[in-house]
Full PDB file with SEQRES, HELIX, SHEET, SSBOND, CRYST1, ORIGX, SCALE, CONECT and MASTER records, all heavy atoms in Angstrom:
SEQRES   1 A   34  ILE VAL ALA PHE GLU ASP GLY THR VAL GLU THR ALA PRO          
SEQRES   2 A   34  MET TRP ILE GLU SER LYS VAL SER ASN PHE CYS ASN LEU          
SEQRES   3 A   34  LYS CYS LYS MET CYS SER THR GLU                              
CRYST1    1.000    1.000    1.000  90.00  90.00  90.00 P 1           1          
ORIGX1      1.000000  0.000000  0.000000        0.00000                         
ORIGX2      0.000000  1.000000  0.000000        0.00000                         
ORIGX3      0.000000  0.000000  1.000000        0.00000                         
SCALE1      1.000000  0.000000  0.000000        0.00000                         
SCALE2      0.000000  1.000000  0.000000        0.00000                         
SCALE3      0.000000  0.000000  1.000000        0.00000                         
ATOM      1  N   ILE A   1     -11.800 -10.112   6.093  1.00  0.00           N  
ATOM      2  CA  ILE A   1     -11.423 -10.384   7.476  1.00  0.00           C  
ATOM      3  C   ILE A   1     -12.663 -10.391   8.370  1.00  0.00           C  
ATOM      4  O   ILE A   1     -13.463  -9.460   8.348  1.00  0.00           O  
ATOM      5  CB  ILE A   1     -10.409  -9.332   7.977  1.00  0.00           C  
ATOM      6  CG1 ILE A   1      -9.098  -9.452   7.192  1.00  0.00           C  
ATOM      7  CG2 ILE A   1     -10.152  -9.495   9.476  1.00  0.00           C  
ATOM      8  CD1 ILE A   1      -8.183  -8.253   7.338  1.00  0.00           C  
ATOM      9  N   VAL A   2     -12.832 -11.464   9.156  1.00  0.00           N  
ATOM     10  CA  VAL A   2     -13.901 -11.554  10.145  1.00  0.00           C  
ATOM     11  C   VAL A   2     -13.250 -11.409  11.517  1.00  0.00           C  
ATOM     12  O   VAL A   2     -12.542 -12.314  11.981  1.00  0.00           O  
ATOM     13  CB  VAL A   2     -14.667 -12.889  10.040  1.00  0.00           C  
ATOM     14  CG1 VAL A   2     -15.775 -12.946  11.091  1.00  0.00           C  
ATOM     15  CG2 VAL A   2     -15.244 -13.058   8.635  1.00  0.00           C  
ATOM     16  N   ALA A   3     -13.456 -10.256  12.151  1.00  0.00           N  
ATOM     17  CA  ALA A   3     -12.766  -9.932  13.395  1.00  0.00           C  
ATOM     18  C   ALA A   3     -13.774  -9.571  14.481  1.00  0.00           C  
ATOM     19  O   ALA A   3     -14.926  -9.228  14.206  1.00  0.00           O  
ATOM     20  CB  ALA A   3     -11.797  -8.778  13.169  1.00  0.00           C  
ATOM     21  N   PHE A   4     -13.285  -9.612  15.734  1.00  0.00           N  
ATOM     22  CA  PHE A   4     -14.127  -9.321  16.884  1.00  0.00           C  
ATOM     23  C   PHE A   4     -13.441  -8.282  17.773  1.00  0.00           C  
ATOM     24  O   PHE A   4     -12.231  -8.076  17.694  1.00  0.00           O  
ATOM     25  CB  PHE A   4     -14.427 -10.597  17.659  1.00  0.00           C  
ATOM     26  CG  PHE A   4     -15.221 -11.600  16.856  1.00  0.00           C  
ATOM     27  CD1 PHE A   4     -14.575 -12.488  16.002  1.00  0.00           C  
ATOM     28  CD2 PHE A   4     -16.601 -11.633  16.932  1.00  0.00           C  
ATOM     29  CE1 PHE A   4     -15.296 -13.397  15.243  1.00  0.00           C  
ATOM     30  CE2 PHE A   4     -17.333 -12.541  16.173  1.00  0.00           C  
ATOM     31  CZ  PHE A   4     -16.682 -13.417  15.327  1.00  0.00           C  
ATOM     32  N   GLU A   5     -14.234  -7.635  18.618  1.00  0.00           N  
ATOM     33  CA  GLU A   5     -13.738  -6.503  19.407  1.00  0.00           C  
ATOM     34  C   GLU A   5     -12.610  -6.880  20.352  1.00  0.00           C  
ATOM     35  O   GLU A   5     -11.820  -6.027  20.753  1.00  0.00           O  
ATOM     36  CB  GLU A   5     -14.886  -5.869  20.193  1.00  0.00           C  
ATOM     37  CG  GLU A   5     -15.850  -5.069  19.324  1.00  0.00           C  
ATOM     38  CD  GLU A   5     -16.910  -4.355  20.135  1.00  0.00           C  
ATOM     39  OE1 GLU A   5     -17.115  -4.741  21.315  1.00  0.00           O  
ATOM     40  OE2 GLU A   5     -17.521  -3.404  19.605  1.00  0.00           O  
ATOM     41  N   ASP A   6     -12.533  -8.154  20.737  1.00  0.00           N  
ATOM     42  CA  ASP A   6     -11.461  -8.561  21.655  1.00  0.00           C  
ATOM     43  C   ASP A   6     -10.159  -8.886  20.925  1.00  0.00           C  
ATOM     44  O   ASP A   6      -9.190  -9.315  21.547  1.00  0.00           O  
ATOM     45  CB  ASP A   6     -11.906  -9.765  22.484  1.00  0.00           C  
ATOM     46  CG  ASP A   6     -11.895 -11.060  21.686  1.00  0.00           C  
ATOM     47  OD1 ASP A   6     -12.110 -10.999  20.447  1.00  0.00           O  
ATOM     48  OD2 ASP A   6     -11.659 -12.135  22.289  1.00  0.00           O  
ATOM     49  N   GLY A   7     -10.128  -8.671  19.604  1.00  0.00           N  
ATOM     50  CA  GLY A   7      -8.921  -8.942  18.821  1.00  0.00           C  
ATOM     51  C   GLY A   7      -8.863 -10.325  18.212  1.00  0.00           C  
ATOM     52  O   GLY A   7      -7.888 -10.669  17.533  1.00  0.00           O  
ATOM     53  N   THR A   8      -9.894 -11.134  18.435  1.00  0.00           N  
ATOM     54  CA  THR A   8      -9.952 -12.452  17.801  1.00  0.00           C  
ATOM     55  C   THR A   8     -10.245 -12.295  16.307  1.00  0.00           C  
ATOM     56  O   THR A   8     -11.031 -11.431  15.912  1.00  0.00           O  
ATOM     57  CB  THR A   8     -11.068 -13.308  18.443  1.00  0.00           C  
ATOM     58  OG1 THR A   8     -10.782 -13.477  19.836  1.00  0.00           O  
ATOM     59  CG2 THR A   8     -11.162 -14.674  17.778  1.00  0.00           C  
ATOM     60  N   VAL A   9      -9.602 -13.117  15.496  1.00  0.00           N  
ATOM     61  CA  VAL A   9      -9.865 -13.145  14.056  1.00  0.00           C  
ATOM     62  C   VAL A   9     -10.353 -14.544  13.698  1.00  0.00           C  
ATOM     63  O   VAL A   9      -9.647 -15.529  13.912  1.00  0.00           O  
ATOM     64  CB  VAL A   9      -8.607 -12.789  13.238  1.00  0.00           C  
ATOM     65  CG1 VAL A   9      -8.914 -12.863  11.743  1.00  0.00           C  
ATOM     66  CG2 VAL A   9      -8.119 -11.393  13.590  1.00  0.00           C  
ATOM     67  N   GLU A  10     -11.584 -14.614  13.180  1.00  0.00           N  
ATOM     68  CA  GLU A  10     -12.163 -15.910  12.833  1.00  0.00           C  
ATOM     69  C   GLU A  10     -11.552 -16.476  11.554  1.00  0.00           C  
ATOM     70  O   GLU A  10     -11.386 -17.681  11.402  1.00  0.00           O  
ATOM     71  CB  GLU A  10     -13.673 -15.763  12.672  1.00  0.00           C  
ATOM     72  CG  GLU A  10     -14.402 -17.081  12.479  1.00  0.00           C  
ATOM     73  CD  GLU A  10     -15.910 -16.891  12.483  1.00  0.00           C  
ATOM     74  OE1 GLU A  10     -16.483 -16.839  13.589  1.00  0.00           O  
ATOM     75  OE2 GLU A  10     -16.486 -16.768  11.379  1.00  0.00           O  
ATOM     76  N   THR A  11     -11.216 -15.586  10.615  1.00  0.00           N  
ATOM     77  CA  THR A  11     -10.600 -16.037   9.372  1.00  0.00           C  
ATOM     78  C   THR A  11      -9.157 -16.465   9.633  1.00  0.00           C  
ATOM     79  O   THR A  11      -8.461 -15.907  10.479  1.00  0.00           O  
ATOM     80  CB  THR A  11     -10.636 -14.920   8.321  1.00  0.00           C  
ATOM     81  OG1 THR A  11     -10.348 -13.657   8.952  1.00  0.00           O  
ATOM     82  CG2 THR A  11     -11.998 -14.827   7.669  1.00  0.00           C  
ATOM     83  N   ALA A  12      -8.710 -17.450   8.888  1.00  0.00           N  
ATOM     84  CA  ALA A  12      -7.339 -17.961   9.017  1.00  0.00           C  
ATOM     85  C   ALA A  12      -6.365 -17.024   8.304  1.00  0.00           C  
ATOM     86  O   ALA A  12      -6.776 -16.187   7.488  1.00  0.00           O  
ATOM     87  CB  ALA A  12      -7.255 -19.363   8.421  1.00  0.00           C  
ATOM     88  N   PRO A  13      -5.071 -17.143   8.597  1.00  0.00           N  
ATOM     89  CA  PRO A  13      -4.085 -16.339   7.866  1.00  0.00           C  
ATOM     90  C   PRO A  13      -4.183 -16.578   6.362  1.00  0.00           C  
ATOM     91  O   PRO A  13      -4.286 -17.726   5.914  1.00  0.00           O  
ATOM     92  CB  PRO A  13      -2.744 -16.823   8.421  1.00  0.00           C  
ATOM     93  CG  PRO A  13      -3.059 -17.412   9.749  1.00  0.00           C  
ATOM     94  CD  PRO A  13      -4.433 -18.001   9.620  1.00  0.00           C  
ATOM     95  N   MET A  14      -4.164 -15.490   5.612  1.00  0.00           N  
ATOM     96  CA  MET A  14      -4.242 -15.587   4.154  1.00  0.00           C  
ATOM     97  C   MET A  14      -2.884 -15.355   3.494  1.00  0.00           C  
ATOM     98  O   MET A  14      -2.708 -15.624   2.312  1.00  0.00           O  
ATOM     99  CB  MET A  14      -5.278 -14.575   3.631  1.00  0.00           C  
ATOM    100  CG  MET A  14      -6.699 -14.898   4.055  1.00  0.00           C  
ATOM    101  SD  MET A  14      -7.887 -13.595   3.603  1.00  0.00           S  
ATOM    102  CE  MET A  14      -8.009 -12.684   5.144  1.00  0.00           C  
ATOM    103  N   TRP A  15      -1.951 -14.828   4.281  1.00  0.00           N  
ATOM    104  CA  TRP A  15      -0.614 -14.537   3.775  1.00  0.00           C  
ATOM    105  C   TRP A  15       0.376 -15.092   4.788  1.00  0.00           C  
ATOM    106  O   TRP A  15       0.412 -14.644   5.939  1.00  0.00           O  
ATOM    107  CB  TRP A  15      -0.459 -13.032   3.585  1.00  0.00           C  
ATOM    108  CG  TRP A  15       0.865 -12.539   3.113  1.00  0.00           C  
ATOM    109  CD1 TRP A  15       2.001 -13.251   2.885  1.00  0.00           C  
ATOM    110  CD2 TRP A  15       1.202 -11.171   2.828  1.00  0.00           C  
ATOM    111  NE1 TRP A  15       3.018 -12.429   2.474  1.00  0.00           N  
ATOM    112  CE2 TRP A  15       2.562 -11.149   2.422  1.00  0.00           C  
ATOM    113  CE3 TRP A  15       0.494  -9.981   2.867  1.00  0.00           C  
ATOM    114  CZ2 TRP A  15       3.216  -9.966   2.076  1.00  0.00           C  
ATOM    115  CZ3 TRP A  15       1.137  -8.798   2.526  1.00  0.00           C  
ATOM    116  CH2 TRP A  15       2.484  -8.797   2.122  1.00  0.00           C  
ATOM    117  N   ILE A  16       1.163 -16.071   4.398  1.00  0.00           N  
ATOM    118  CA  ILE A  16       2.200 -16.640   5.261  1.00  0.00           C  
ATOM    119  C   ILE A  16       3.557 -16.181   4.748  1.00  0.00           C  
ATOM    120  O   ILE A  16       3.880 -16.353   3.571  1.00  0.00           O  
ATOM    121  CB  ILE A  16       2.134 -18.174   5.289  1.00  0.00           C  
ATOM    122  CG1 ILE A  16       0.826 -18.630   5.938  1.00  0.00           C  
ATOM    123  CG2 ILE A  16       3.330 -18.752   6.047  1.00  0.00           C  
ATOM    124  CD1 ILE A  16       0.651 -20.138   5.966  1.00  0.00           C  
ATOM    125  N   GLU A  17       4.326 -15.585   5.640  1.00  0.00           N  
ATOM    126  CA  GLU A  17       5.674 -15.122   5.309  1.00  0.00           C  
ATOM    127  C   GLU A  17       6.655 -15.886   6.190  1.00  0.00           C  
ATOM    128  O   GLU A  17       6.484 -15.943   7.408  1.00  0.00           O  
ATOM    129  CB  GLU A  17       5.803 -13.623   5.540  1.00  0.00           C  
ATOM    130  CG  GLU A  17       7.150 -13.054   5.155  1.00  0.00           C  
ATOM    131  CD  GLU A  17       7.198 -11.528   5.247  1.00  0.00           C  
ATOM    132  OE1 GLU A  17       6.169 -10.905   5.559  1.00  0.00           O  
ATOM    133  OE2 GLU A  17       8.284 -10.975   4.994  1.00  0.00           O  
ATOM    134  N   SER A  18       7.653 -16.470   5.588  1.00  0.00           N  
ATOM    135  CA  SER A  18       8.571 -17.323   6.329  1.00  0.00           C  
ATOM    136  C   SER A  18      10.019 -16.951   6.080  1.00  0.00           C  
ATOM    137  O   SER A  18      10.461 -16.871   4.936  1.00  0.00           O  
ATOM    138  CB  SER A  18       8.353 -18.791   5.942  1.00  0.00           C  
ATOM    139  OG  SER A  18       9.300 -19.614   6.586  1.00  0.00           O  
ATOM    140  N   LYS A  19      10.730 -16.731   7.166  1.00  0.00           N  
ATOM    141  CA  LYS A  19      12.181 -16.607   7.092  1.00  0.00           C  
ATOM    142  C   LYS A  19      12.735 -18.025   7.159  1.00  0.00           C  
ATOM    143  O   LYS A  19      12.773 -18.643   8.226  1.00  0.00           O  
ATOM    144  CB  LYS A  19      12.705 -15.745   8.242  1.00  0.00           C  
ATOM    145  CG  LYS A  19      14.155 -15.369   8.118  1.00  0.00           C  
ATOM    146  CD  LYS A  19      14.519 -14.252   9.089  1.00  0.00           C  
ATOM    147  CE  LYS A  19      15.941 -13.771   8.835  1.00  0.00           C  
ATOM    148  NZ  LYS A  19      16.258 -12.578   9.646  1.00  0.00           N  
ATOM    149  N   VAL A  20      13.118 -18.556   6.013  1.00  0.00           N  
ATOM    150  CA  VAL A  20      13.405 -19.980   5.871  1.00  0.00           C  
ATOM    151  C   VAL A  20      14.542 -20.435   6.786  1.00  0.00           C  
ATOM    152  O   VAL A  20      14.491 -21.514   7.374  1.00  0.00           O  
ATOM    153  CB  VAL A  20      13.757 -20.307   4.404  1.00  0.00           C  
ATOM    154  CG1 VAL A  20      13.998 -21.793   4.231  1.00  0.00           C  
ATOM    155  CG2 VAL A  20      12.664 -19.841   3.477  1.00  0.00           C  
ATOM    156  N   SER A  21      15.565 -19.622   6.895  1.00  0.00           N  
ATOM    157  CA  SER A  21      16.759 -19.977   7.652  1.00  0.00           C  
ATOM    158  C   SER A  21      17.643 -18.737   7.693  1.00  0.00           C  
ATOM    159  O   SER A  21      17.382 -17.752   6.994  1.00  0.00           O  
ATOM    160  CB  SER A  21      17.496 -21.140   6.976  1.00  0.00           C  
ATOM    161  OG  SER A  21      18.763 -21.367   7.565  1.00  0.00           O  
ATOM    162  N   ASN A  22      18.690 -18.776   8.499  1.00  0.00           N  
ATOM    163  CA  ASN A  22      19.699 -17.721   8.409  1.00  0.00           C  
ATOM    164  C   ASN A  22      20.888 -18.178   7.559  1.00  0.00           C  
ATOM    165  O   ASN A  22      21.942 -17.531   7.555  1.00  0.00           O  
ATOM    166  CB  ASN A  22      20.162 -17.262   9.794  1.00  0.00           C  
ATOM    167  CG  ASN A  22      20.862 -18.361  10.583  1.00  0.00           C  
ATOM    168  OD1 ASN A  22      20.739 -19.547  10.282  1.00  0.00           O  
ATOM    169  ND2 ASN A  22      21.592 -17.964  11.617  1.00  0.00           N  
ATOM    170  N   PHE A  23      20.703 -19.278   6.820  1.00  0.00           N  
ATOM    171  CA  PHE A  23      21.754 -19.744   5.914  1.00  0.00           C  
ATOM    172  C   PHE A  23      21.783 -18.855   4.673  1.00  0.00           C  
ATOM    173  O   PHE A  23      20.792 -18.722   3.953  1.00  0.00           O  
ATOM    174  CB  PHE A  23      21.526 -21.193   5.504  1.00  0.00           C  
ATOM    175  CG  PHE A  23      22.572 -21.717   4.561  1.00  0.00           C  
ATOM    176  CD1 PHE A  23      23.873 -21.921   4.992  1.00  0.00           C  
ATOM    177  CD2 PHE A  23      22.265 -21.976   3.238  1.00  0.00           C  
ATOM    178  CE1 PHE A  23      24.845 -22.383   4.121  1.00  0.00           C  
ATOM    179  CE2 PHE A  23      23.235 -22.449   2.359  1.00  0.00           C  
ATOM    180  CZ  PHE A  23      24.525 -22.643   2.808  1.00  0.00           C  
ATOM    181  N   CYS A  24      22.909 -18.249   4.422  1.00  0.00           N  
ATOM    182  CA  CYS A  24      23.076 -17.340   3.290  1.00  0.00           C  
ATOM    183  C   CYS A  24      24.488 -17.491   2.751  1.00  0.00           C  
ATOM    184  O   CYS A  24      25.413 -17.835   3.494  1.00  0.00           O  
ATOM    185  CB  CYS A  24      22.821 -15.889   3.723  1.00  0.00           C  
ATOM    186  SG  CYS A  24      22.862 -14.688   2.359  1.00  0.00           S  
ATOM    187  N   ASN A  25      24.649 -17.228   1.469  1.00  0.00           N  
ATOM    188  CA  ASN A  25      25.962 -17.340   0.850  1.00  0.00           C  
ATOM    189  C   ASN A  25      26.759 -16.048   0.920  1.00  0.00           C  
ATOM    190  O   ASN A  25      27.915 -16.009   0.495  1.00  0.00           O  
ATOM    191  CB  ASN A  25      25.817 -17.771  -0.613  1.00  0.00           C  
ATOM    192  CG  ASN A  25      24.929 -16.842  -1.415  1.00  0.00           C  
ATOM    193  OD1 ASN A  25      23.891 -16.398  -0.932  1.00  0.00           O  
ATOM    194  ND2 ASN A  25      25.309 -16.540  -2.641  1.00  0.00           N  
ATOM    195  N   LEU A  26      26.159 -14.975   1.460  1.00  0.00           N  
ATOM    196  CA  LEU A  26      26.833 -13.678   1.511  1.00  0.00           C  
ATOM    197  C   LEU A  26      27.094 -13.237   2.953  1.00  0.00           C  
ATOM    198  O   LEU A  26      26.490 -13.762   3.893  1.00  0.00           O  
ATOM    199  CB  LEU A  26      25.992 -12.608   0.801  1.00  0.00           C  
ATOM    200  CG  LEU A  26      25.615 -12.886  -0.656  1.00  0.00           C  
ATOM    201  CD1 LEU A  26      24.874 -11.684  -1.241  1.00  0.00           C  
ATOM    202  CD2 LEU A  26      26.835 -13.228  -1.496  1.00  0.00           C  
ATOM    203  N   LYS A  27      27.990 -12.261   3.073  1.00  0.00           N  
ATOM    204  CA  LYS A  27      28.312 -11.662   4.373  1.00  0.00           C  
ATOM    205  C   LYS A  27      28.196 -10.143   4.243  1.00  0.00           C  
ATOM    206  O   LYS A  27      29.203  -9.427   4.292  1.00  0.00           O  
ATOM    207  CB  LYS A  27      29.718 -12.075   4.818  1.00  0.00           C  
ATOM    208  CG  LYS A  27      29.855 -13.555   5.111  1.00  0.00           C  
ATOM    209  CD  LYS A  27      31.241 -13.917   5.627  1.00  0.00           C  
ATOM    210  CE  LYS A  27      32.219 -14.132   4.507  1.00  0.00           C  
ATOM    211  NZ  LYS A  27      33.504 -14.698   4.977  1.00  0.00           N  
ATOM    212  N   CYS A  28      26.965  -9.671   4.063  1.00  0.00           N  
ATOM    213  CA  CYS A  28      26.751  -8.240   3.859  1.00  0.00           C  
ATOM    214  C   CYS A  28      27.112  -7.472   5.125  1.00  0.00           C  
ATOM    215  O   CYS A  28      26.803  -7.903   6.240  1.00  0.00           O  
ATOM    216  CB  CYS A  28      25.306  -7.969   3.458  1.00  0.00           C  
ATOM    217  SG  CYS A  28      24.829  -8.842   1.950  1.00  0.00           S  
ATOM    218  N   LYS A  29      27.735  -6.326   4.941  1.00  0.00           N  
ATOM    219  CA  LYS A  29      28.312  -5.593   6.061  1.00  0.00           C  
ATOM    220  C   LYS A  29      27.291  -5.106   7.078  1.00  0.00           C  
ATOM    221  O   LYS A  29      27.628  -4.877   8.238  1.00  0.00           O  
ATOM    222  CB  LYS A  29      29.133  -4.410   5.535  1.00  0.00           C  
ATOM    223  CG  LYS A  29      30.453  -4.806   4.899  1.00  0.00           C  
ATOM    224  CD  LYS A  29      31.232  -3.602   4.413  1.00  0.00           C  
ATOM    225  CE  LYS A  29      32.681  -3.963   4.045  1.00  0.00           C  
ATOM    226  NZ  LYS A  29      32.796  -4.912   2.930  1.00  0.00           N  
ATOM    227  N   MET A  30      26.031  -4.917   6.664  1.00  0.00           N  
ATOM    228  CA  MET A  30      25.020  -4.407   7.594  1.00  0.00           C  
ATOM    229  C   MET A  30      24.213  -5.515   8.236  1.00  0.00           C  
ATOM    230  O   MET A  30      23.375  -5.266   9.094  1.00  0.00           O  
ATOM    231  CB  MET A  30      24.081  -3.417   6.890  1.00  0.00           C  
ATOM    232  CG  MET A  30      23.112  -4.040   5.910  1.00  0.00           C  
ATOM    233  SD  MET A  30      23.954  -4.629   4.410  1.00  0.00           S  
ATOM    234  CE  MET A  30      22.572  -5.151   3.398  1.00  0.00           C  
ATOM    235  N   CYS A  31      24.419  -6.783   7.824  1.00  0.00           N  
ATOM    236  CA  CYS A  31      23.587  -7.896   8.294  1.00  0.00           C  
ATOM    237  C   CYS A  31      24.041  -8.407   9.652  1.00  0.00           C  
ATOM    238  O   CYS A  31      25.227  -8.411   9.976  1.00  0.00           O  
ATOM    239  CB  CYS A  31      23.609  -9.041   7.285  1.00  0.00           C  
ATOM    240  SG  CYS A  31      22.317  -8.937   6.040  1.00  0.00           S  
ATOM    241  N   SER A  32      23.065  -8.912  10.402  1.00  0.00           N  
ATOM    242  CA  SER A  32      23.355  -9.597  11.654  1.00  0.00           C  
ATOM    243  C   SER A  32      23.549 -11.085  11.380  1.00  0.00           C  
ATOM    244  O   SER A  32      23.245 -11.582  10.292  1.00  0.00           O  
ATOM    245  CB  SER A  32      22.202  -9.405  12.641  1.00  0.00           C  
ATOM    246  OG  SER A  32      21.059 -10.119  12.194  1.00  0.00           O  
ATOM    247  N   THR A  33      24.006 -11.806  12.383  1.00  0.00           N  
ATOM    248  CA  THR A  33      24.169 -13.247  12.233  1.00  0.00           C  
ATOM    249  C   THR A  33      22.818 -13.952  12.174  1.00  0.00           C  
ATOM    250  O   THR A  33      22.740 -15.097  11.725  1.00  0.00           O  
ATOM    251  CB  THR A  33      24.993 -13.821  13.390  1.00  0.00           C  
ATOM    252  OG1 THR A  33      24.388 -13.437  14.639  1.00  0.00           O  
ATOM    253  CG2 THR A  33      26.420 -13.316  13.348  1.00  0.00           C  
ATOM    254  N   GLU A  34      21.757 -13.299  12.622  1.00  0.00           N  
ATOM    255  CA  GLU A  34      20.431 -13.894  12.506  1.00  0.00           C  
ATOM    256  C   GLU A  34      19.959 -13.906  11.053  1.00  0.00           C  
ATOM    257  O   GLU A  34      19.170 -14.756  10.647  1.00  0.00           O  
ATOM    258  CB  GLU A  34      19.412 -13.145  13.365  1.00  0.00           C  
ATOM    259  CG  GLU A  34      18.097 -13.882  13.451  1.00  0.00           C  
ATOM    260  CD  GLU A  34      16.983 -13.058  14.052  1.00  0.00           C  
ATOM    261  OE1 GLU A  34      16.869 -11.864  13.749  1.00  0.00           O  
ATOM    262  OE2 GLU A  34      16.204 -13.642  14.810  1.00  0.00           O  
TER     263      GLU A  34                                                      
MASTER        0    0    0    0    0    0    0    6  262    1    0    3          
END                                                                             
């Protein structure tokens, strides 16, 4: 990581995490509609 004191990061994201959709085949009791 190449970072600066003001919080800027020169390096690009190395890990991308994506919540693809809220489309799901289940209706778990603790889950929200999101």
